[in-house]
Amino acid sequence: MTELAADCSRCAALCCVAPAFSKSSDFAVDKPAGRACRNLGDDFRCTVHEKLIPLGFPGCVVFVCFGAGQRITRERGGDWRSDRAVAAEMFAALPVVRQLHELMWYLTEALKLDETRRLHPKLRVALAETDALAGTPDPRKLDLDSYRRKVVPLLRRASAAARSGHRGPDHSGAHLIGRRMRGADLRGASFRGALLIGADLRDTDLRRADFTGADMRGTDLRGANLNGVLFLTSSQLRAAVTDPDQP
């Protein structure tokens, strides 16, 4: 099984070099694509990792590559510093492979659900196909939008099956910035693609709620019941406000 969690010890710090970012609330400085972050050490490690937030780099804290970084490093040459052509290939592959690995993560999570048993054969086929695409010689040639349109409906069916016993409100794509929902029964709700920036979800019941692609920067989840929550990534949790003992 392809690893779907980042292992920075086996990656050539691609996320610190390949993307561009602009000075903002997420990043303290401007950085063009393909240039190493000023905080990157010669050993491919961040020299300020323990101080990223106070130094103005919360965007680094919430970023997750779903294991794409170490895969590209392993499969495409390792050290981008030694060859410009290799570097260009690795940097261009990162956003594509990352998106494919993210899809694989969702498919893997869907396969863990008892309610999706009837979909498991199709989910397994989609998982294997996505893994194969991520390993193609030049993933940049892939039509990602077209492929996502093929896989996303299957994930939506898995979500609907998992939420069928708890039909909560449908907030898919909703603008819920700063919305106060403290203590609400949100079991089985859909927050797919919702903007939950600064929303108050304290003490809510979120069992089997779907958070696929939701923007959860500053979402207050303290006291919320997250048991059985659907498609909530580690980066979303890091972006939110949580209790120390929450998963």
C-alpha atoms as a PDB file:
ATOM      1  CA  MET A   1       0.000   0.000   0.000  1.00  0.00           C
ATOM      2  CA  THR A   2       1.358   3.408  -0.943  1.00  0.00           C
ATOM      3  CA  GLU A   3       2.030   5.598   2.071  1.00  0.00           C
ATOM      4  CA  LEU A   4      -0.468   8.414   2.415  1.00  0.00           C
ATOM      5  CA  ALA A   5       1.116  10.262   5.325  1.00  0.00           C
ATOM      6  CA  ALA A   6       4.070  12.592   5.022  1.00  0.00           C
ATOM      7  CA  ASP A   7       7.480  11.315   6.120  1.00  0.00           C
ATOM      8  CA  CYS A   8       9.773  14.319   5.937  1.00  0.00           C
ATOM      9  CA  SER A   9      12.790  12.185   6.854  1.00  0.00           C
ATOM     10  CA  ARG A  10      12.552  10.546   3.414  1.00  0.00           C
ATOM     11  CA  CYS A  11      11.668  13.627   1.384  1.00  0.00           C
ATOM     12  CA  ALA A  12      13.962  16.209  -0.217  1.00  0.00           C
ATOM     13  CA  ALA A  13      11.885  19.065   1.239  1.00  0.00           C
ATOM     14  CA  LEU A  14       9.893  19.515  -1.962  1.00  0.00           C
ATOM     15  CA  CYS A  15       7.126  21.483  -0.231  1.00  0.00           C
ATOM     16  CA  CYS A  16       9.762  23.996   0.924  1.00  0.00           C
ATOM     17  CA  VAL A  17      10.979  24.630  -2.607  1.00  0.00           C
ATOM     18  CA  ALA A  18       8.447  23.818  -5.328  1.00  0.00           C
ATOM     19  CA  PRO A  19       5.457  26.047  -4.410  1.00  0.00           C
ATOM     20  CA  ALA A  20       5.330  29.807  -4.560  1.00  0.00           C
ATOM     21  CA  PHE A  21       3.784  31.759  -1.707  1.00  0.00           C
ATOM     22  CA  SER A  22       3.078  35.399  -1.072  1.00  0.00           C
ATOM     23  CA  LYS A  23       3.533  37.393   2.100  1.00  0.00           C
ATOM     24  CA  SER A  24       0.256  37.084   3.983  1.00  0.00           C
ATOM     25  CA  SER A  25      -1.259  35.894   7.237  1.00  0.00           C
ATOM     26  CA  ASP A  26      -0.064  32.387   6.275  1.00  0.00           C
ATOM     27  CA  PHE A  27       3.492  33.242   5.219  1.00  0.00           C
ATOM     28  CA  ALA A  28       5.804  35.937   6.531  1.00  0.00           C
ATOM     29  CA  VAL A  29       7.691  36.402   3.259  1.00  0.00           C
ATOM     30  CA  ASP A  30       7.337  36.144  -0.504  1.00  0.00           C
ATOM     31  CA  LYS A  31       8.871  33.101  -2.172  1.00  0.00           C
ATOM     32  CA  PRO A  32       8.835  32.316  -5.906  1.00  0.00           C
ATOM     33  CA  ALA A  33       8.219  28.795  -7.163  1.00  0.00           C
ATOM     34  CA  GLY A  34      11.348  26.672  -7.400  1.00  0.00           C
ATOM     35  CA  ARG A  35      13.362  28.665  -4.880  1.00  0.00           C
ATOM     36  CA  ALA A  36      14.183  27.159  -1.512  1.00  0.00           C
ATOM     37  CA  CYS A  37      12.588  28.766   1.525  1.00  0.00           C
ATOM     38  CA  ARG A  38      15.055  30.859   3.485  1.00  0.00           C
ATOM     39  CA  ASN A  39      14.416  28.617   6.510  1.00  0.00           C
ATOM     40  CA  LEU A  40      15.474  25.399   4.754  1.00  0.00           C
ATOM     41  CA  GLY A  41      18.718  23.848   5.956  1.00  0.00           C
ATOM     42  CA  ASP A  42      21.286  21.895   3.960  1.00  0.00           C
ATOM     43  CA  ASP A  43      19.914  18.659   5.445  1.00  0.00           C
ATOM     44  CA  PHE A  44      16.458  19.283   3.917  1.00  0.00           C
ATOM     45  CA  ARG A  45      15.075  20.180   7.343  1.00  0.00           C
ATOM     46  CA  CYS A  46      13.304  23.343   8.433  1.00  0.00           C
ATOM     47  CA  THR A  47      15.581  25.321  10.725  1.00  0.00           C
ATOM     48  CA  VAL A  48      12.633  26.998  12.499  1.00  0.00           C
ATOM     49  CA  HIS A  49      10.166  24.103  12.574  1.00  0.00           C
ATOM     50  CA  GLU A  50       9.326  24.553  16.249  1.00  0.00           C
ATOM     51  CA  LYS A  51       8.724  28.300  15.788  1.00  0.00           C
ATOM     52  CA  LEU A  52       6.767  28.403  12.533  1.00  0.00           C
ATOM     53  CA  ILE A  53       3.601  29.961  13.945  1.00  0.00           C
ATOM     54  CA  PRO A  54       5.194  32.728  16.032  1.00  0.00           C
ATOM     55  CA  LEU A  55       7.502  33.543  13.105  1.00  0.00           C
ATOM     56  CA  GLY A  56       4.523  33.957  10.774  1.00  0.00           C
ATOM     57  CA  PHE A  57       4.408  30.648   8.875  1.00  0.00           C
ATOM     58  CA  PRO A  58       1.129  28.953   9.906  1.00  0.00           C
ATOM     59  CA  GLY A  59       0.628  27.944   6.260  1.00  0.00           C
ATOM     60  CA  CYS A  60       3.540  25.551   6.620  1.00  0.00           C
ATOM     61  CA  VAL A  61       2.036  23.984   9.726  1.00  0.00           C
ATOM     62  CA  VAL A  62      -1.257  23.049   8.071  1.00  0.00           C
ATOM     63  CA  PHE A  63       0.193  21.875   4.750  1.00  0.00           C
ATOM     64  CA  VAL A  64       0.093  18.116   4.139  1.00  0.00           C
ATOM     65  CA  CYS A  65       1.337  16.270   1.064  1.00  0.00           C
ATOM     66  CA  PHE A  66      -0.337  12.919   1.812  1.00  0.00           C
ATOM     67  CA  GLY A  67       3.008  11.177   1.228  1.00  0.00           C
ATOM     68  CA  ALA A  68       3.537  12.621  -2.249  1.00  0.00           C
ATOM     69  CA  GLY A  69       6.847  14.233  -1.273  1.00  0.00           C
ATOM     70  CA  GLN A  70       8.667  11.071  -0.270  1.00  0.00           C
ATOM     71  CA  ARG A  71       7.213   9.187  -3.243  1.00  0.00           C
ATOM     72  CA  ILE A  72       8.559  11.709  -5.736  1.00  0.00           C
ATOM     73  CA  THR A  73      11.896  11.829  -3.920  1.00  0.00           C
ATOM     74  CA  ARG A  74      12.167   8.040  -4.079  1.00  0.00           C
ATOM     75  CA  GLU A  75      10.999   7.622  -7.673  1.00  0.00           C
ATOM     76  CA  ARG A  76      12.553  10.668  -9.378  1.00  0.00           C
ATOM     77  CA  GLY A  77      16.121  11.051  -8.285  1.00  0.00           C
ATOM     78  CA  GLY A  78      16.286  12.220  -4.684  1.00  0.00           C
ATOM     79  CA  ASP A  79      18.344  15.438  -4.648  1.00  0.00           C
ATOM     80  CA  TRP A  80      16.957  18.268  -6.782  1.00  0.00           C
ATOM     81  CA  ARG A  81      20.069  20.349  -6.074  1.00  0.00           C
ATOM     82  CA  SER A  82      22.284  18.218  -8.335  1.00  0.00           C
ATOM     83  CA  ASP A  83      20.416  18.502 -11.632  1.00  0.00           C
ATOM     84  CA  ARG A  84      18.184  21.315 -12.912  1.00  0.00           C
ATOM     85  CA  ALA A  85      16.227  18.993 -15.190  1.00  0.00           C
ATOM     86  CA  VAL A  86      15.544  16.591 -12.333  1.00  0.00           C
ATOM     87  CA  ALA A  87      14.569  19.503 -10.118  1.00  0.00           C
ATOM     88  CA  ALA A  88      12.099  20.838 -12.677  1.00  0.00           C
ATOM     89  CA  GLU A  89      10.541  17.390 -13.050  1.00  0.00           C
ATOM     90  CA  MET A  90      10.220  16.859  -9.304  1.00  0.00           C
ATOM     91  CA  PHE A  91       8.774  20.307  -8.629  1.00  0.00           C
ATOM     92  CA  ALA A  92       6.225  19.999 -11.441  1.00  0.00           C
ATOM     93  CA  ALA A  93       5.168  16.545 -10.268  1.00  0.00           C
ATOM     94  CA  LEU A  94       4.488  17.579  -6.675  1.00  0.00           C
ATOM     95  CA  PRO A  95       1.080  19.331  -7.071  1.00  0.00           C
ATOM     96  CA  VAL A  96      -0.200  16.568  -9.355  1.00  0.00           C
ATOM     97  CA  VAL A  97       0.934  13.619  -7.247  1.00  0.00           C
ATOM     98  CA  ARG A  98      -0.236  15.373  -4.112  1.00  0.00           C
ATOM     99  CA  GLN A  99      -3.769  15.690  -5.496  1.00  0.00           C
ATOM    100  CA  LEU A 100      -3.772  12.048  -6.531  1.00  0.00           C
ATOM    101  CA  HIS A 101      -2.537  10.983  -3.097  1.00  0.00           C
ATOM    102  CA  GLU A 102      -5.254  13.102  -1.513  1.00  0.00           C
ATOM    103  CA  LEU A 103      -7.845  11.232  -3.587  1.00  0.00           C
ATOM    104  CA  MET A 104      -6.250   7.979  -2.467  1.00  0.00           C
ATOM    105  CA  TRP A 105      -6.549   9.075   1.157  1.00  0.00           C
ATOM    106  CA  TYR A 106     -10.274   9.720   0.731  1.00  0.00           C
ATOM    107  CA  LEU A 107     -10.756   6.389  -1.027  1.00  0.00           C
ATOM    108  CA  THR A 108      -8.869   4.598   1.746  1.00  0.00           C
ATOM    109  CA  GLU A 109     -10.996   6.290   4.396  1.00  0.00           C
ATOM    110  CA  ALA A 110     -14.164   5.301   2.510  1.00  0.00           C
ATOM    111  CA  LEU A 111     -13.001   1.678   2.491  1.00  0.00           C
ATOM    112  CA  LYS A 112     -12.855   1.718   6.300  1.00  0.00           C
ATOM    113  CA  LEU A 113     -16.593   2.385   6.595  1.00  0.00           C
ATOM    114  CA  ASP A 114     -18.989  -0.490   7.216  1.00  0.00           C
ATOM    115  CA  GLU A 115     -21.799   1.406   5.523  1.00  0.00           C
ATOM    116  CA  THR A 116     -19.900   1.434   2.213  1.00  0.00           C
ATOM    117  CA  ARG A 117     -19.431  -2.333   1.903  1.00  0.00           C
ATOM    118  CA  ARG A 118     -21.400  -2.500  -1.353  1.00  0.00           C
ATOM    119  CA  LEU A 119     -19.087   0.112  -2.826  1.00  0.00           C
ATOM    120  CA  HIS A 120     -15.849  -1.528  -1.686  1.00  0.00           C
ATOM    121  CA  PRO A 121     -15.112  -3.275  -5.021  1.00  0.00           C
ATOM    122  CA  LYS A 122     -15.431   0.006  -6.932  1.00  0.00           C
ATOM    123  CA  LEU A 123     -13.492   1.889  -4.270  1.00  0.00           C
ATOM    124  CA  ARG A 124     -10.635  -0.626  -4.473  1.00  0.00           C
ATOM    125  CA  VAL A 125     -10.513  -0.354  -8.278  1.00  0.00           C
ATOM    126  CA  ALA A 126     -10.436   3.450  -8.055  1.00  0.00           C
ATOM    127  CA  LEU A 127      -7.714   3.314  -5.399  1.00  0.00           C
ATOM    128  CA  ALA A 128      -5.483   1.051  -7.499  1.00  0.00           C
ATOM    129  CA  GLU A 129      -6.064   3.161 -10.608  1.00  0.00           C
ATOM    130  CA  THR A 130      -5.235   6.389  -8.784  1.00  0.00           C
ATOM    131  CA  ASP A 131      -2.084   4.859  -7.329  1.00  0.00           C
ATOM    132  CA  ALA A 132      -0.992   3.769 -10.804  1.00  0.00           C
ATOM    133  CA  LEU A 133      -1.591   7.253 -12.216  1.00  0.00           C
ATOM    134  CA  ALA A 134       0.499   8.807  -9.438  1.00  0.00           C
ATOM    135  CA  GLY A 135       3.385   6.569 -10.486  1.00  0.00           C
ATOM    136  CA  THR A 136       3.299   7.390 -14.208  1.00  0.00           C
ATOM    137  CA  PRO A 137       6.553   8.717 -15.714  1.00  0.00           C
ATOM    138  CA  ASP A 138       5.119  12.188 -16.326  1.00  0.00           C
ATOM    139  CA  PRO A 139       2.009  12.859 -14.205  1.00  0.00           C
ATOM    140  CA  ARG A 140       1.946  16.422 -15.531  1.00  0.00           C
ATOM    141  CA  LYS A 141       0.304  15.108 -18.699  1.00  0.00           C
ATOM    142  CA  LEU A 142      -2.702  13.792 -16.787  1.00  0.00           C
ATOM    143  CA  ASP A 143      -6.082  15.499 -17.074  1.00  0.00           C
ATOM    144  CA  LEU A 144      -6.657  15.814 -13.340  1.00  0.00           C
ATOM    145  CA  ASP A 145      -9.955  17.650 -13.619  1.00  0.00           C
ATOM    146  CA  SER A 146     -11.390  14.921 -15.795  1.00  0.00           C
ATOM    147  CA  TYR A 147     -10.133  12.200 -13.493  1.00  0.00           C
ATOM    148  CA  ARG A 148     -11.507  13.909 -10.402  1.00  0.00           C
ATOM    149  CA  ARG A 149     -14.922  14.099 -12.083  1.00  0.00           C
ATOM    150  CA  LYS A 150     -14.722  10.329 -12.400  1.00  0.00           C
ATOM    151  CA  VAL A 151     -13.739   9.597  -8.785  1.00  0.00           C
ATOM    152  CA  VAL A 152     -15.594  12.278  -6.807  1.00  0.00           C
ATOM    153  CA  PRO A 153     -19.097  10.906  -7.514  1.00  0.00           C
ATOM    154  CA  LEU A 154     -17.993   7.571  -6.047  1.00  0.00           C
ATOM    155  CA  LEU A 155     -16.766   9.334  -2.912  1.00  0.00           C
ATOM    156  CA  ARG A 156     -20.056  11.224  -2.694  1.00  0.00           C
ATOM    157  CA  ARG A 157     -21.917   7.915  -2.820  1.00  0.00           C
ATOM    158  CA  ALA A 158     -19.704   6.602  -0.030  1.00  0.00           C
ATOM    159  CA  SER A 159     -20.427   9.711   2.032  1.00  0.00           C
ATOM    160  CA  ALA A 160     -24.183   9.410   1.453  1.00  0.00           C
ATOM    161  CA  ALA A 161     -24.114   5.765   2.501  1.00  0.00           C
ATOM    162  CA  ALA A 162     -22.185   6.554   5.670  1.00  0.00           C
ATOM    163  CA  ARG A 163     -24.532   9.406   6.573  1.00  0.00           C
ATOM    164  CA  SER A 164     -27.767   7.607   5.681  1.00  0.00           C
ATOM    165  CA  GLY A 165     -28.671   6.921   9.306  1.00  0.00           C
ATOM    166  CA  HIS A 166     -27.998  10.503  10.436  1.00  0.00           C
ATOM    167  CA  ARG A 167     -29.349  12.855   7.800  1.00  0.00           C
ATOM    168  CA  GLY A 168     -28.111  16.223   8.991  1.00  0.00           C
ATOM    169  CA  PRO A 169     -28.243  19.591   7.208  1.00  0.00           C
ATOM    170  CA  ASP A 170     -26.572  19.989   3.834  1.00  0.00           C
ATOM    171  CA  HIS A 171     -24.033  22.810   4.079  1.00  0.00           C
ATOM    172  CA  SER A 172     -22.046  21.747   1.009  1.00  0.00           C
ATOM    173  CA  GLY A 173     -20.171  24.755  -0.367  1.00  0.00           C
ATOM    174  CA  ALA A 174     -21.845  27.061   2.138  1.00  0.00           C
ATOM    175  CA  HIS A 175     -20.288  30.283   3.440  1.00  0.00           C
ATOM    176  CA  LEU A 176     -20.348  29.713   7.190  1.00  0.00           C
ATOM    177  CA  ILE A 177     -17.576  32.092   8.166  1.00  0.00           C
ATOM    178  CA  GLY A 178     -17.976  32.951  11.833  1.00  0.00           C
ATOM    179  CA  ARG A 179     -21.295  31.077  12.040  1.00  0.00           C
ATOM    180  CA  ARG A 180     -22.409  30.213  15.568  1.00  0.00           C
ATOM    181  CA  MET A 181     -23.559  26.601  15.814  1.00  0.00           C
ATOM    182  CA  ARG A 182     -22.478  25.769  19.314  1.00  0.00           C
ATOM    183  CA  GLY A 183     -24.201  22.708  20.776  1.00  0.00           C
ATOM    184  CA  ALA A 184     -26.063  21.828  17.564  1.00  0.00           C
ATOM    185  CA  ASP A 185     -26.924  18.284  16.518  1.00  0.00           C
ATOM    186  CA  LEU A 186     -24.998  18.040  13.241  1.00  0.00           C
ATOM    187  CA  ARG A 187     -24.851  14.277  12.906  1.00  0.00           C
ATOM    188  CA  GLY A 188     -24.607  13.318   9.264  1.00  0.00           C
ATOM    189  CA  ALA A 189     -24.286  16.928   8.097  1.00  0.00           C
ATOM    190  CA  SER A 190     -22.412  17.691   4.908  1.00  0.00           C
ATOM    191  CA  PHE A 191     -19.784  20.437   5.051  1.00  0.00           C
ATOM    192  CA  ARG A 192     -18.146  19.424   1.757  1.00  0.00           C
ATOM    193  CA  GLY A 193     -16.260  22.453   0.436  1.00  0.00           C
ATOM    194  CA  ALA A 194     -17.804  24.734   3.058  1.00  0.00           C
ATOM    195  CA  LEU A 195     -16.089  27.851   4.384  1.00  0.00           C
ATOM    196  CA  LEU A 196     -15.993  27.339   8.148  1.00  0.00           C
ATOM    197  CA  ILE A 197     -13.364  29.960   8.915  1.00  0.00           C
ATOM    198  CA  GLY A 198     -13.791  31.038  12.529  1.00  0.00           C
ATOM    199  CA  ALA A 199     -17.076  29.130  12.889  1.00  0.00           C
ATOM    200  CA  ASP A 200     -18.170  28.135  16.394  1.00  0.00           C
ATOM    201  CA  LEU A 201     -18.760  24.370  16.483  1.00  0.00           C
ATOM    202  CA  ARG A 202     -18.082  23.929  20.166  1.00  0.00           C
ATOM    203  CA  ASP A 203     -19.946  21.064  21.846  1.00  0.00           C
ATOM    204  CA  THR A 204     -21.600  20.013  18.574  1.00  0.00           C
ATOM    205  CA  ASP A 205     -22.384  16.407  17.663  1.00  0.00           C
ATOM    206  CA  LEU A 206     -20.444  15.794  14.454  1.00  0.00           C
ATOM    207  CA  ARG A 207     -20.678  12.034  14.208  1.00  0.00           C
ATOM    208  CA  ARG A 208     -20.722  11.007  10.537  1.00  0.00           C
ATOM    209  CA  ALA A 209     -20.484  14.635   9.397  1.00  0.00           C
ATOM    210  CA  ASP A 210     -18.558  15.015   6.128  1.00  0.00           C
ATOM    211  CA  PHE A 211     -15.780  17.641   6.040  1.00  0.00           C
ATOM    212  CA  THR A 212     -14.321  16.903   2.597  1.00  0.00           C
ATOM    213  CA  GLY A 213     -12.424  19.999   1.433  1.00  0.00           C
ATOM    214  CA  ALA A 214     -13.869  22.300   4.100  1.00  0.00           C
ATOM    215  CA  ASP A 215     -11.825  25.379   5.007  1.00  0.00           C
ATOM    216  CA  MET A 216     -11.473  25.070   8.780  1.00  0.00           C
ATOM    217  CA  ARG A 217      -9.018  27.800   9.648  1.00  0.00           C
ATOM    218  CA  GLY A 218      -9.878  28.867  13.159  1.00  0.00           C
ATOM    219  CA  THR A 219     -12.977  26.640  13.366  1.00  0.00           C
ATOM    220  CA  ASP A 220     -13.643  26.078  17.070  1.00  0.00           C
ATOM    221  CA  LEU A 221     -14.116  22.343  17.634  1.00  0.00           C
ATOM    222  CA  ARG A 222     -13.571  22.302  21.378  1.00  0.00           C
ATOM    223  CA  GLY A 223     -15.900  19.860  23.056  1.00  0.00           C
ATOM    224  CA  ALA A 224     -17.293  18.619  19.735  1.00  0.00           C
ATOM    225  CA  ASN A 225     -17.989  14.907  19.290  1.00  0.00           C
ATOM    226  CA  LEU A 226     -15.727  13.888  16.425  1.00  0.00           C
ATOM    227  CA  ASN A 227     -16.243  10.140  16.757  1.00  0.00           C
ATOM    228  CA  GLY A 228     -16.869   8.702  13.317  1.00  0.00           C
ATOM    229  CA  VAL A 229     -16.453  12.042  11.564  1.00  0.00           C
ATOM    230  CA  LEU A 230     -15.941  11.637   7.804  1.00  0.00           C
ATOM    231  CA  PHE A 231     -12.986  12.746   5.698  1.00  0.00           C
ATOM    232  CA  LEU A 232     -11.462  15.144   8.224  1.00  0.00           C
ATOM    233  CA  THR A 233      -7.753  15.488   7.441  1.00  0.00           C
ATOM    234  CA  SER A 234      -4.899  16.142   9.829  1.00  0.00           C
ATOM    235  CA  SER A 235      -4.263  19.507   8.176  1.00  0.00           C
ATOM    236  CA  GLN A 236      -7.869  20.570   8.791  1.00  0.00           C
ATOM    237  CA  LEU A 237      -7.526  19.641  12.453  1.00  0.00           C
ATOM    238  CA  ARG A 238      -4.270  21.573  12.750  1.00  0.00           C
ATOM    239  CA  ALA A 239      -5.955  24.611  11.233  1.00  0.00           C
ATOM    240  CA  ALA A 240      -8.859  24.395  13.695  1.00  0.00           C
ATOM    241  CA  VAL A 241      -9.048  25.115  17.424  1.00  0.00           C
ATOM    242  CA  THR A 242      -9.254  21.807  19.301  1.00  0.00           C
ATOM    243  CA  ASP A 243      -8.990  20.341  22.769  1.00  0.00           C
ATOM    244  CA  PRO A 244      -5.653  18.664  23.602  1.00  0.00           C
ATOM    245  CA  ASP A 245      -7.320  15.240  23.803  1.00  0.00           C
ATOM    246  CA  GLN A 246      -9.259  15.464  20.552  1.00  0.00           C
ATOM    247  CA  PRO A 247      -8.045  13.209  17.709  1.00  0.00           C
END
